[in-house]
Protein backbone atom coordinates (compact mmCIF):
# COMPACT_ATOMS: atom_id res chain seq x y z
CA MET A 1 24.65 1.51 -0.65
CA GLU A 2 20.89 0.87 -0.74
CA LYS A 3 18.60 3.43 0.93
CA VAL A 4 16.52 2.03 3.78
CA MET A 5 12.85 2.98 3.36
CA ASN A 6 10.71 3.71 6.39
CA ARG A 7 7.66 1.53 6.79
CA SER A 8 4.14 2.71 7.48
CA TYR A 9 2.40 2.24 10.80
CA LEU A 10 -0.96 3.13 12.35
CA ASN A 11 -0.72 6.32 14.39
CA GLU A 12 -2.74 7.25 17.49
CA LEU A 13 -5.71 8.24 15.27
CA GLY A 14 -5.69 4.87 13.49
CA ARG A 15 -4.40 6.42 10.25
CA PHE A 16 -1.45 5.26 8.20
CA GLU A 17 1.68 7.34 8.72
CA CYS A 18 5.11 7.13 7.08
CA GLU A 19 8.09 9.48 7.36
CA GLY A 20 6.02 12.01 9.32
CA VAL A 21 3.20 12.16 6.76
CA GLN A 22 -0.30 11.07 7.79
CA PHE A 23 -2.57 9.56 5.12
CA THR A 24 -6.35 9.49 5.29
CA SER A 25 -9.45 8.68 3.25
CA GLY A 26 -9.26 9.91 -0.35
CA ASP A 27 -5.47 10.29 -0.40
CA VAL A 28 -3.74 8.98 -3.52
CA VAL A 29 -0.51 7.27 -2.49
CA GLU A 30 2.24 5.05 -3.79
CA VAL A 31 2.96 1.86 -1.88
CA PHE A 32 6.21 -0.07 -2.36
CA ASP A 33 5.11 -3.63 -3.18
CA ASP A 34 7.00 -6.47 -4.87
CA GLY A 35 9.98 -4.22 -5.63
CA GLU A 36 8.06 -1.39 -7.30
CA TRP A 37 5.94 1.64 -6.45
CA LYS A 38 2.22 1.11 -7.11
CA VAL A 39 -0.39 3.88 -7.12
CA THR A 40 -3.57 3.41 -5.09
CA ARG A 41 -6.12 5.38 -3.09
CA ILE A 42 -6.81 5.08 0.63
CA GLU A 43 -10.40 4.84 1.85
CA TYR A 44 -12.08 4.07 5.15
CA SER A 45 -14.77 1.55 6.04
CA ASP A 46 -15.70 -0.03 9.34
CA SER A 47 -16.54 -3.25 7.47
CA GLN A 48 -12.99 -3.28 6.01
CA GLY A 49 -11.47 -2.82 9.46
CA GLY A 50 -10.52 0.84 8.97
CA TYR A 51 -8.32 2.40 6.31
CA TYR A 52 -7.46 0.27 3.27
CA SER A 53 -6.18 0.39 -0.32
CA VAL A 54 -8.96 0.37 -2.93
CA ASP A 55 -6.71 -1.87 -5.04
CA GLY A 56 -6.22 -4.40 -2.27
CA TYR A 57 -2.55 -3.63 -1.56
CA GLU A 58 -1.25 -4.23 1.95
CA LEU A 59 -0.38 -0.82 3.40
CA LEU A 60 0.68 -1.59 6.96
CA GLY A 61 4.42 -2.06 7.29
CA ARG A 62 5.14 -1.00 3.71
CA PRO A 63 6.80 2.20 2.49
CA LEU A 64 4.18 4.80 1.52
CA ARG A 65 4.48 8.21 -0.13
CA ALA A 66 2.12 10.77 -1.62
CA ALA A 67 1.52 10.19 -5.33
């Protein structure tokens, strides 16, 4: 049986959260994308619309974990 992975969401502070872990600027994370875990860093910029992956990966609604 395949394990269901929780997906990230924006919490009340506007930060990504997944499985009870909050991620913020400077955090190195793994995001599950195209069937594999990819390492990236989260940063914040108003011009980017808030928190984002420096490698351009979509973070919202994807499984995230600390790298």
